[in-house]
C-alpha cells in the first residue's frame, strides 16, 4: 500500500465547501461533527475555520459567554 502525500486544504475543499463548513460551524455544529461529515481531521477543520475567520468569511463564534456589566443600584 503506497501512501500519498496529503493534499493542501485548498485543493481538497472547494470555496463553496469551505464556506458551507464555516456556516455550519457558525450555526453551532461541533468541529468533531464537521470533521466526520467532511471526511477530514479535526485539525483540518480548525485550520479551515481559522482561515475563514482571518478572511472575514465566518462570523466570530466565541465559546466563552459574554456578560453584560452589572448595573449598580443607587
C-alpha atoms as a PDB file:
ATOM      1  CA  UNK A   1       0.000   0.000   0.000  1.00  0.00           C
ATOM      2  CA  UNK A   2       1.537   3.318  -1.039  1.00  0.00           C
ATOM      3  CA  UNK A   3       0.885   6.441   0.961  1.00  0.00           C
ATOM      4  CA  UNK A   4       0.028   9.563  -0.950  1.00  0.00           C
ATOM      5  CA  UNK A   5       1.244  12.904   0.349  1.00  0.00           C
ATOM      6  CA  UNK A   6      -1.501  15.000   1.936  1.00  0.00           C
ATOM      7  CA  UNK A   7      -3.174  17.468  -0.385  1.00  0.00           C
ATOM      8  CA  UNK A   8      -3.476  21.106   0.540  1.00  0.00           C
ATOM      9  CA  UNK A   9      -6.785  22.092   2.102  1.00  0.00           C
ATOM     10  CA  UNK A  10      -7.428  24.498  -0.767  1.00  0.00           C
ATOM     11  CA  UNK A  11      -7.198  21.592  -3.199  1.00  0.00           C
ATOM     12  CA  UNK A  12      -9.297  19.216  -1.097  1.00  0.00           C
ATOM     13  CA  UNK A  13     -12.169  21.617  -0.498  1.00  0.00           C
ATOM     14  CA  UNK A  14     -13.789  23.987  -2.963  1.00  0.00           C
ATOM     15  CA  UNK A  15     -14.510  27.568  -1.872  1.00  0.00           C
ATOM     16  CA  UNK A  16     -18.196  26.636  -1.664  1.00  0.00           C
ATOM     17  CA  UNK A  17     -17.461  23.661   0.593  1.00  0.00           C
ATOM     18  CA  UNK A  18     -15.201  25.747   2.836  1.00  0.00           C
ATOM     19  CA  UNK A  19     -17.933  28.391   3.122  1.00  0.00           C
ATOM     20  CA  UNK A  20     -20.543  25.727   3.947  1.00  0.00           C
ATOM     21  CA  UNK A  21     -18.274  24.290   6.639  1.00  0.00           C
ATOM     22  CA  UNK A  22     -17.780  27.745   8.195  1.00  0.00           C
ATOM     23  CA  UNK A  23     -21.518  28.423   8.038  1.00  0.00           C
ATOM     24  CA  UNK A  24     -22.292  25.117   9.736  1.00  0.00           C
ATOM     25  CA  UNK A  25     -19.811  25.921  12.490  1.00  0.00           C
ATOM     26  CA  UNK A  26     -21.394  29.351  12.958  1.00  0.00           C
ATOM     27  CA  UNK A  27     -24.720  27.517  13.388  1.00  0.00           C
ATOM     28  CA  UNK A  28     -23.285  25.646  16.398  1.00  0.00           C
ATOM     29  CA  UNK A  29     -22.235  22.391  14.692  1.00  0.00           C
ATOM     30  CA  UNK A  30     -19.294  20.908  16.625  1.00  0.00           C
ATOM     31  CA  UNK A  31     -15.866  20.660  15.000  1.00  0.00           C
ATOM     32  CA  UNK A  32     -15.701  16.891  15.513  1.00  0.00           C
ATOM     33  CA  UNK A  33     -19.054  16.512  13.742  1.00  0.00           C
ATOM     34  CA  UNK A  34     -17.837  18.659  10.846  1.00  0.00           C
ATOM     35  CA  UNK A  35     -14.667  16.570  10.584  1.00  0.00           C
ATOM     36  CA  UNK A  36     -16.720  13.389  10.382  1.00  0.00           C
ATOM     37  CA  UNK A  37     -19.198  14.861   7.884  1.00  0.00           C
ATOM     38  CA  UNK A  38     -16.497  16.235   5.573  1.00  0.00           C
ATOM     39  CA  UNK A  39     -14.175  13.235   5.915  1.00  0.00           C
ATOM     40  CA  UNK A  40     -11.214  15.102   7.349  1.00  0.00           C
ATOM     41  CA  UNK A  41      -9.419  15.569  10.654  1.00  0.00           C
ATOM     42  CA  UNK A  42     -10.437  17.948  13.400  1.00  0.00           C
ATOM     43  CA  UNK A  43      -7.102  19.711  12.875  1.00  0.00           C
ATOM     44  CA  UNK A  44      -8.025  20.391   9.239  1.00  0.00           C
ATOM     45  CA  UNK A  45     -11.413  21.727  10.321  1.00  0.00           C
ATOM     46  CA  UNK A  46      -9.668  24.050  12.795  1.00  0.00           C
ATOM     47  CA  UNK A  47      -7.327  25.286  10.050  1.00  0.00           C
ATOM     48  CA  UNK A  48     -10.205  25.898   7.651  1.00  0.00           C
ATOM     49  CA  UNK A  49     -12.146  27.808  10.304  1.00  0.00           C
ATOM     50  CA  UNK A  50      -9.094  29.882  11.213  1.00  0.00           C
ATOM     51  CA  UNK A  51      -8.637  30.822   7.562  1.00  0.00           C
ATOM     52  CA  UNK A  52     -12.317  31.718   7.307  1.00  0.00           C
ATOM     53  CA  UNK A  53     -12.030  33.934  10.399  1.00  0.00           C
ATOM     54  CA  UNK A  54      -8.978  35.786   9.119  1.00  0.00           C
ATOM     55  CA  UNK A  55     -10.549  36.295   5.695  1.00  0.00           C
ATOM     56  CA  UNK A  56     -13.788  37.518   7.242  1.00  0.00           C
ATOM     57  CA  UNK A  57     -15.863  34.700   5.737  1.00  0.00           C
ATOM     58  CA  UNK A  58     -17.089  33.394   9.070  1.00  0.00           C
ATOM     59  CA  UNK A  59     -18.649  35.308  11.945  1.00  0.00           C
ATOM     60  CA  UNK A  60     -16.808  35.092  15.252  1.00  0.00           C
ATOM     61  CA  UNK A  61     -18.359  32.444  17.483  1.00  0.00           C
ATOM     62  CA  UNK A  62     -16.584  32.563  20.777  1.00  0.00           C
ATOM     63  CA  UNK A  63     -17.028  29.609  23.090  1.00  0.00           C
ATOM     64  CA  UNK A  64     -16.912  31.958  26.081  1.00  0.00           C
ATOM     65  CA  UNK A  65     -20.101  33.580  27.201  1.00  0.00           C
ATOM     66  CA  UNK A  66     -20.039  37.329  27.163  1.00  0.00           C
ATOM     67  CA  UNK A  67     -21.541  39.001  30.164  1.00  0.00           C
ATOM     68  CA  UNK A  68     -23.082  42.418  30.326  1.00  0.00           C
ATOM     69  CA  UNK A  69     -21.594  44.622  33.025  1.00  0.00           C
ATOM     70  CA  UNK A  70     -23.784  44.716  36.063  1.00  0.00           C
ATOM     71  CA  UNK A  71     -25.545  47.971  36.760  1.00  0.00           C
ATOM     72  CA  UNK A  72     -25.141  49.360  40.232  1.00  0.00           C
ATOM     73  CA  UNK A  73     -28.328  50.152  42.107  1.00  0.00           C
ATOM     74  CA  UNK A  74     -28.460  53.586  43.699  1.00  0.00           C
END
